[in-house]
Structures are given as C-alpha cells and as structure tokens.
C-alpha atoms as a PDB file:
ATOM      1  CA  PRO A   1       0.000   0.000   0.000  1.00  0.00           C
ATOM      2  CA  PRO A   2       1.137   3.582  -0.540  1.00  0.00           C
ATOM      3  CA  PRO A   3       2.487   5.491   2.462  1.00  0.00           C
ATOM      4  CA  MET A   4       0.063   7.520   4.538  1.00  0.00           C
ATOM      5  CA  ASN A   5      -0.044  11.258   3.939  1.00  0.00           C
ATOM      6  CA  VAL A   6       1.936  13.495   6.278  1.00  0.00           C
ATOM      7  CA  ALA A   7      -0.247  14.872   9.053  1.00  0.00           C
ATOM      8  CA  VAL A   8       0.471  18.391  10.261  1.00  0.00           C
ATOM      9  CA  LEU A   9      -0.046  19.497  13.851  1.00  0.00           C
ATOM     10  CA  THR A  10       0.088  23.266  13.746  1.00  0.00           C
ATOM     11  CA  ALA A  11      -0.319  26.061  16.268  1.00  0.00           C
ATOM     12  CA  ARG A  12      -2.243  28.067  13.668  1.00  0.00           C
ATOM     13  CA  ALA A  13      -5.634  28.971  15.098  1.00  0.00           C
ATOM     14  CA  ASP A  14      -8.539  27.088  13.549  1.00  0.00           C
ATOM     15  CA  GLU A  15     -10.649  30.197  14.082  1.00  0.00           C
ATOM     16  CA  PHE A  16      -8.395  31.999  11.574  1.00  0.00           C
ATOM     17  CA  ARG A  17      -8.331  29.154   9.069  1.00  0.00           C
ATOM     18  CA  LEU A  18      -9.681  31.369   6.305  1.00  0.00           C
ATOM     19  CA  ALA A  19      -6.446  33.376   6.404  1.00  0.00           C
ATOM     20  CA  LEU A  20      -3.981  30.759   7.746  1.00  0.00           C
ATOM     21  CA  GLU A  21      -5.090  27.492   6.149  1.00  0.00           C
ATOM     22  CA  LEU A  22      -2.482  25.244   4.575  1.00  0.00           C
ATOM     23  CA  LYS A  23      -4.016  25.356   1.106  1.00  0.00           C
ATOM     24  CA  PRO A  24      -3.248  22.876  -1.704  1.00  0.00           C
ATOM     25  CA  SER A  25      -1.228  25.646  -3.367  1.00  0.00           C
ATOM     26  CA  SER A  26       0.949  26.315  -0.285  1.00  0.00           C
ATOM     27  CA  LYS A  27       4.700  25.728  -0.603  1.00  0.00           C
ATOM     28  CA  LEU A  28       4.497  22.881   1.915  1.00  0.00           C
ATOM     29  CA  ASN A  29       1.718  21.040   0.097  1.00  0.00           C
ATOM     30  CA  VAL A  30       3.339  21.522  -3.307  1.00  0.00           C
ATOM     31  CA  ALA A  31       6.719  20.278  -2.020  1.00  0.00           C
ATOM     32  CA  PHE A  32       5.242  17.114  -0.508  1.00  0.00           C
ATOM     33  CA  ARG A  33       3.100  16.429  -3.573  1.00  0.00           C
ATOM     34  CA  ASN A  34       6.156  16.839  -5.814  1.00  0.00           C
ATOM     35  CA  ALA A  35       8.197  14.526  -3.576  1.00  0.00           C
ATOM     36  CA  GLY A  36       5.485  11.879  -3.848  1.00  0.00           C
ATOM     37  CA  THR A  37       5.338  12.214  -7.614  1.00  0.00           C
ATOM     38  CA  ALA A  38       9.134  11.982  -7.866  1.00  0.00           C
ATOM     39  CA  ALA A  39       9.004   8.780  -5.784  1.00  0.00           C
ATOM     40  CA  GLY A  40       6.276   7.346  -7.991  1.00  0.00           C
ATOM     41  CA  VAL A  41       3.517   7.742  -5.401  1.00  0.00           C
ATOM     42  CA  SER A  42       0.727   9.673  -7.073  1.00  0.00           C
ATOM     43  CA  GLY A  43      -1.532  11.676  -4.783  1.00  0.00           C
ATOM     44  CA  TRP A  44       0.796  11.548  -1.775  1.00  0.00           C
ATOM     45  CA  GLY A  45       1.246  14.679   0.294  1.00  0.00           C
ATOM     46  CA  VAL A  46      -0.101  16.572   3.273  1.00  0.00           C
ATOM     47  CA  GLY A  47      -3.225  15.691   5.186  1.00  0.00           C
ATOM     48  CA  PRO A  48      -4.855  15.780   7.622  1.00  0.00           C
ATOM     49  CA  VAL A  49      -4.025  19.135   9.208  1.00  0.00           C
ATOM     50  CA  LEU A  50      -4.908  19.535  12.887  1.00  0.00           C
ATOM     51  CA  TYR A  51      -5.016  23.161  13.993  1.00  0.00           C
ATOM     52  CA  GLY A  52      -4.664  24.904  17.321  1.00  0.00           C
ATOM     53  CA  SER A  53      -6.964  27.604  18.608  1.00  0.00           C
ATOM     54  CA  VAL A  54      -6.986  31.236  19.644  1.00  0.00           C
ATOM     55  CA  ALA A  55      -6.742  30.028  23.250  1.00  0.00           C
ATOM     56  CA  GLU A  56      -3.181  28.843  22.593  1.00  0.00           C
ATOM     57  CA  TRP A  57      -2.284  32.150  20.974  1.00  0.00           C
ATOM     58  CA  ILE A  58      -3.403  33.916  24.144  1.00  0.00           C
ATOM     59  CA  VAL A  59      -1.875  31.415  26.591  1.00  0.00           C
ATOM     60  CA  GLN A  60       1.310  30.334  24.800  1.00  0.00           C
ATOM     61  CA  ASP A  61       2.124  27.668  27.400  1.00  0.00           C
ATOM     62  CA  ARG A  62      -0.850  25.612  26.164  1.00  0.00           C
ATOM     63  CA  LYS A  63       0.546  25.073  22.648  1.00  0.00           C
ATOM     64  CA  GLY A  64       2.514  21.945  23.562  1.00  0.00           C
ATOM     65  CA  LEU A  65      -0.501  20.365  25.236  1.00  0.00           C
ATOM     66  CA  ARG A  66      -2.705  21.187  22.224  1.00  0.00           C
ATOM     67  CA  LYS A  67      -0.241  19.514  19.861  1.00  0.00           C
ATOM     68  CA  PHE A  68      -0.061  16.473  22.146  1.00  0.00           C
ATOM     69  CA  ASN A  69      -3.867  16.280  22.226  1.00  0.00           C
ATOM     70  CA  ASN A  70      -3.996  16.675  18.442  1.00  0.00           C
ATOM     71  CA  PHE A  71      -1.492  13.832  18.067  1.00  0.00           C
ATOM     72  CA  GLU A  72      -3.801  11.668  20.171  1.00  0.00           C
ATOM     73  CA  ARG A  73      -6.689  12.716  17.878  1.00  0.00           C
ATOM     74  CA  LEU A  74      -4.573  11.676  14.899  1.00  0.00           C
ATOM     75  CA  LEU A  75      -3.971   8.254  16.425  1.00  0.00           C
ATOM     76  CA  GLU A  76      -7.702   7.838  17.054  1.00  0.00           C
ATOM     77  CA  GLN A  77      -8.503   8.834  13.458  1.00  0.00           C
ATOM     78  CA  GLY A  78      -6.046   6.178  12.285  1.00  0.00           C
ATOM     79  CA  ARG A  79      -7.768   3.556  14.424  1.00  0.00           C
ATOM     80  CA  GLU A  80     -11.171   4.547  13.056  1.00  0.00           C
ATOM     81  CA  LEU A  81      -9.978   4.425   9.438  1.00  0.00           C
ATOM     82  CA  ASN A  82      -8.091   1.148   9.931  1.00  0.00           C
ATOM     83  CA  PRO A  83      -9.962  -0.797  12.641  1.00  0.00           C
ATOM     84  CA  ASP A  84      -8.285  -4.106  11.754  1.00  0.00           C
ATOM     85  CA  ALA A  85      -4.711  -2.781  11.865  1.00  0.00           C
ATOM     86  CA  PRO A  86      -2.667  -3.965  14.854  1.00  0.00           C
ATOM     87  CA  TYR A  87      -1.473  -1.055  16.970  1.00  0.00           C
ATOM     88  CA  ASP A  88       0.826  -2.909  19.284  1.00  0.00           C
ATOM     89  CA  LEU A  89       2.830  -5.067  16.888  1.00  0.00           C
ATOM     90  CA  PRO A  90       5.486  -2.981  15.121  1.00  0.00           C
ATOM     91  CA  GLY A  91       6.649  -4.703  11.967  1.00  0.00           C
ATOM     92  CA  ALA A  92       3.422  -6.707  11.667  1.00  0.00           C
ATOM     93  CA  GLY A  93       1.590  -4.229   9.466  1.00  0.00           C
ATOM     94  CA  ALA A  94       0.868  -1.928  12.390  1.00  0.00           C
ATOM     95  CA  LEU A  95       0.215   1.733  11.739  1.00  0.00           C
ATOM     96  CA  THR A  96       3.200   3.612  13.098  1.00  0.00           C
ATOM     97  CA  TYR A  97       3.744   7.308  13.531  1.00  0.00           C
ATOM     98  CA  ALA A  98       6.772   9.529  13.943  1.00  0.00           C
ATOM     99  CA  TYR A  99       6.442  12.920  15.590  1.00  0.00           C
ATOM    100  CA  VAL A 100       8.797  15.422  13.985  1.00  0.00           C
ATOM    101  CA  GLY A 101       8.957  18.887  15.459  1.00  0.00           C
ATOM    102  CA  ASP A 102      11.233  21.875  15.539  1.00  0.00           C
ATOM    103  CA  THR A 103      12.292  24.260  18.262  1.00  0.00           C
ATOM    104  CA  GLY A 104       9.361  26.630  17.934  1.00  0.00           C
ATOM    105  CA  GLU A 105       5.725  26.674  18.979  1.00  0.00           C
ATOM    106  CA  ARG A 106       6.368  24.291  21.918  1.00  0.00           C
ATOM    107  CA  ASP A 107       6.909  21.202  19.761  1.00  0.00           C
ATOM    108  CA  GLN A 108       9.429  19.826  22.248  1.00  0.00           C
ATOM    109  CA  GLU A 109       6.766  19.834  24.976  1.00  0.00           C
ATOM    110  CA  ALA A 110       4.281  17.882  22.885  1.00  0.00           C
END
C-alpha cells in the first residue's frame, strides 16, 4: 500500500483558518506532492491538518498540550480508518507514527 499522507499538527488557530489554512497551493503542500510524484507515489502529500486555537495564541504555554492532544486525535482517526490494523505489533503491518517537530511553537513539549 502507498504510504500515509503526512499529518500536520500546527499552532495556527482554527478560528483563523480562512487566512492561515495550509491550502493545496501552499509551498508545503506543493513540495510534498512533488516529492510523492518523484518517488512514484501519485496523490501523496499533506493531510490531515490539525489546527490549534486562539486560546493557545493567548496562553502560549498551552501550545505543547494542544499539539499532544492533536497527536492523540490523529492516532484515534487512524484507528477509526483502519480498525483491523494492529497497533501494538510494530513490523506486523501496524500503523506507526513519527512525531517530527522543531524548536518553535512548543513542539518539544508535545
């Protein structure tokens, strides 16, 4: 099966999605789509995107917790989409995730 799309956990406020949304034409989406095409995986790229909220913009210390909670939401979505996949048997077809962050927006706390 093709690899799963790259999920994005962002501190961007969902309430401002109209202005801050990661659109299909964004540099990030285009770069991932091009990488998939170059690797022979048509349609691969970014998605889903899990946003933060205005609350985390106001109380910056909550950003790490929001990203952690969004990662848990991502895991749950994976279980719902793939109910027969083993989640506790790495190497046995289990869905596995890697959290990759940077030094900003409290990624290290998540």
